[in-house]
Amino acid sequence: MVYVYILASEDGAHHDVGITQELRGRLVKHNAGHVPHTAKYRPWRLKTYVAFSESEQAWEFEKYPKSASGRAFSKKRL
């Protein structure tokens, strides 16, 4: 499985969207500070994720939550 995930910082001010095959391990890396882009906003919590059986679909979907309409949807609905 390939997962597209949305993380939220504990203060709720920052979000991160990513893709991985190892969801729990990826969250651990974000919270341990091993991801330079997100290290300064930790701790992180998993806000939501979508699982895909095909990586091509996951890569295409990952573009949506990073778009303006995807961010608006996430803020309003998730």
C-alpha atoms as a PDB file:
ATOM      1  CA  MET A   1       0.000   0.000   0.000  1.00  0.00           C
ATOM      2  CA  VAL A   2       1.018   3.582  -0.634  1.00  0.00           C
ATOM      3  CA  TYR A   3      -0.292   6.280   1.697  1.00  0.00           C
ATOM      4  CA  VAL A   4      -0.891   9.969   1.107  1.00  0.00           C
ATOM      5  CA  TYR A   5      -0.997  11.644   4.496  1.00  0.00           C
ATOM      6  CA  ILE A   6      -1.718  15.006   6.043  1.00  0.00           C
ATOM      7  CA  LEU A   7       0.041  15.926   9.263  1.00  0.00           C
ATOM      8  CA  ALA A   8      -0.870  18.791  11.574  1.00  0.00           C
ATOM      9  CA  SER A   9       1.436  20.387  14.098  1.00  0.00           C
ATOM     10  CA  GLU A  10       0.202  20.137  17.673  1.00  0.00           C
ATOM     11  CA  ASP A  11      -0.534  23.872  17.718  1.00  0.00           C
ATOM     12  CA  GLY A  12      -2.604  23.468  14.544  1.00  0.00           C
ATOM     13  CA  ALA A  13      -0.759  26.274  12.751  1.00  0.00           C
ATOM     14  CA  HIS A  14       1.187  24.100  10.290  1.00  0.00           C
ATOM     15  CA  HIS A  15       0.362  21.203   7.978  1.00  0.00           C
ATOM     16  CA  ASP A  16       2.393  18.846   5.854  1.00  0.00           C
ATOM     17  CA  VAL A  17       1.334  16.558   3.009  1.00  0.00           C
ATOM     18  CA  GLY A  18       3.423  13.594   1.970  1.00  0.00           C
ATOM     19  CA  ILE A  19       3.493  10.125   0.503  1.00  0.00           C
ATOM     20  CA  THR A  20       4.997   6.947   1.950  1.00  0.00           C
ATOM     21  CA  GLN A  21       4.760   3.180   2.082  1.00  0.00           C
ATOM     22  CA  GLU A  22       5.561   3.171   5.800  1.00  0.00           C
ATOM     23  CA  LEU A  23       3.031   5.467   7.484  1.00  0.00           C
ATOM     24  CA  ARG A  24       3.901   4.910  11.158  1.00  0.00           C
ATOM     25  CA  GLY A  25       7.616   5.051  10.481  1.00  0.00           C
ATOM     26  CA  ARG A  26       7.235   8.283   8.556  1.00  0.00           C
ATOM     27  CA  LEU A  27       5.379   9.924  11.446  1.00  0.00           C
ATOM     28  CA  VAL A  28       8.138   8.811  13.818  1.00  0.00           C
ATOM     29  CA  LYS A  29      10.747  10.409  11.514  1.00  0.00           C
ATOM     30  CA  HIS A  30       8.811  13.682  11.400  1.00  0.00           C
ATOM     31  CA  ASN A  31       8.509  13.778  15.192  1.00  0.00           C
ATOM     32  CA  ALA A  32      12.153  12.829  15.727  1.00  0.00           C
ATOM     33  CA  GLY A  33      13.293  15.793  13.610  1.00  0.00           C
ATOM     34  CA  HIS A  34      14.767  13.696  10.777  1.00  0.00           C
ATOM     35  CA  VAL A  35      12.797  15.640   8.157  1.00  0.00           C
ATOM     36  CA  PRO A  36      14.400  19.103   7.910  1.00  0.00           C
ATOM     37  CA  HIS A  37      11.313  20.739   6.389  1.00  0.00           C
ATOM     38  CA  THR A  38       9.085  19.823   9.348  1.00  0.00           C
ATOM     39  CA  ALA A  39      11.547  19.585  12.247  1.00  0.00           C
ATOM     40  CA  LYS A  40      10.920  23.069  13.631  1.00  0.00           C
ATOM     41  CA  TYR A  41       7.150  22.596  13.908  1.00  0.00           C
ATOM     42  CA  ARG A  42       7.036  19.308  15.798  1.00  0.00           C
ATOM     43  CA  PRO A  43       5.395  17.474  17.402  1.00  0.00           C
ATOM     44  CA  TRP A  44       3.141  16.298  14.608  1.00  0.00           C
ATOM     45  CA  ARG A  45      -0.073  14.295  14.668  1.00  0.00           C
ATOM     46  CA  LEU A  46      -1.617  12.357  11.830  1.00  0.00           C
ATOM     47  CA  LYS A  47      -4.633  14.303  10.648  1.00  0.00           C
ATOM     48  CA  THR A  48      -5.755  11.903   7.904  1.00  0.00           C
ATOM     49  CA  TYR A  49      -4.466   9.510   5.268  1.00  0.00           C
ATOM     50  CA  VAL A  50      -5.669   7.780   2.124  1.00  0.00           C
ATOM     51  CA  ALA A  51      -4.352   4.347   1.133  1.00  0.00           C
ATOM     52  CA  PHE A  52      -3.755   3.369  -2.499  1.00  0.00           C
ATOM     53  CA  SER A  53      -2.899  -0.014  -3.930  1.00  0.00           C
ATOM     54  CA  GLU A  54      -1.124   1.577  -6.917  1.00  0.00           C
ATOM     55  CA  SER A  55       1.646   4.118  -6.489  1.00  0.00           C
ATOM     56  CA  GLU A  56       0.725   6.016  -9.677  1.00  0.00           C
ATOM     57  CA  GLN A  57      -2.692   6.834  -8.222  1.00  0.00           C
ATOM     58  CA  ALA A  58      -1.119   7.932  -4.952  1.00  0.00           C
ATOM     59  CA  TRP A  59       1.332  10.267  -6.702  1.00  0.00           C
ATOM     60  CA  GLU A  60      -1.493  11.832  -8.707  1.00  0.00           C
ATOM     61  CA  PHE A  61      -3.694  12.251  -5.629  1.00  0.00           C
ATOM     62  CA  GLU A  62      -0.877  13.796  -3.573  1.00  0.00           C
ATOM     63  CA  LYS A  63      -1.068  16.868  -5.811  1.00  0.00           C
ATOM     64  CA  TYR A  64      -4.632  17.633  -4.682  1.00  0.00           C
ATOM     65  CA  PRO A  65      -4.069  18.263  -0.940  1.00  0.00           C
ATOM     66  CA  LYS A  66      -1.117  20.478  -1.896  1.00  0.00           C
ATOM     67  CA  SER A  67      -3.286  22.624  -4.178  1.00  0.00           C
ATOM     68  CA  ALA A  68      -5.205  25.700  -3.033  1.00  0.00           C
ATOM     69  CA  SER A  69      -8.559  23.929  -3.252  1.00  0.00           C
ATOM     70  CA  GLY A  70      -7.154  20.878  -1.459  1.00  0.00           C
ATOM     71  CA  ARG A  71      -5.838  23.016   1.404  1.00  0.00           C
ATOM     72  CA  ALA A  72      -9.205  24.773   1.677  1.00  0.00           C
ATOM     73  CA  PHE A  73     -11.006  21.422   1.749  1.00  0.00           C
ATOM     74  CA  SER A  74      -8.659  20.124   4.417  1.00  0.00           C
ATOM     75  CA  LYS A  75      -9.101  23.156   6.664  1.00  0.00           C
ATOM     76  CA  LYS A  76     -12.869  23.091   6.379  1.00  0.00           C
ATOM     77  CA  ARG A  77     -13.625  19.357   6.407  1.00  0.00           C
ATOM     78  CA  LEU A  78     -10.811  17.543   8.200  1.00  0.00           C
END
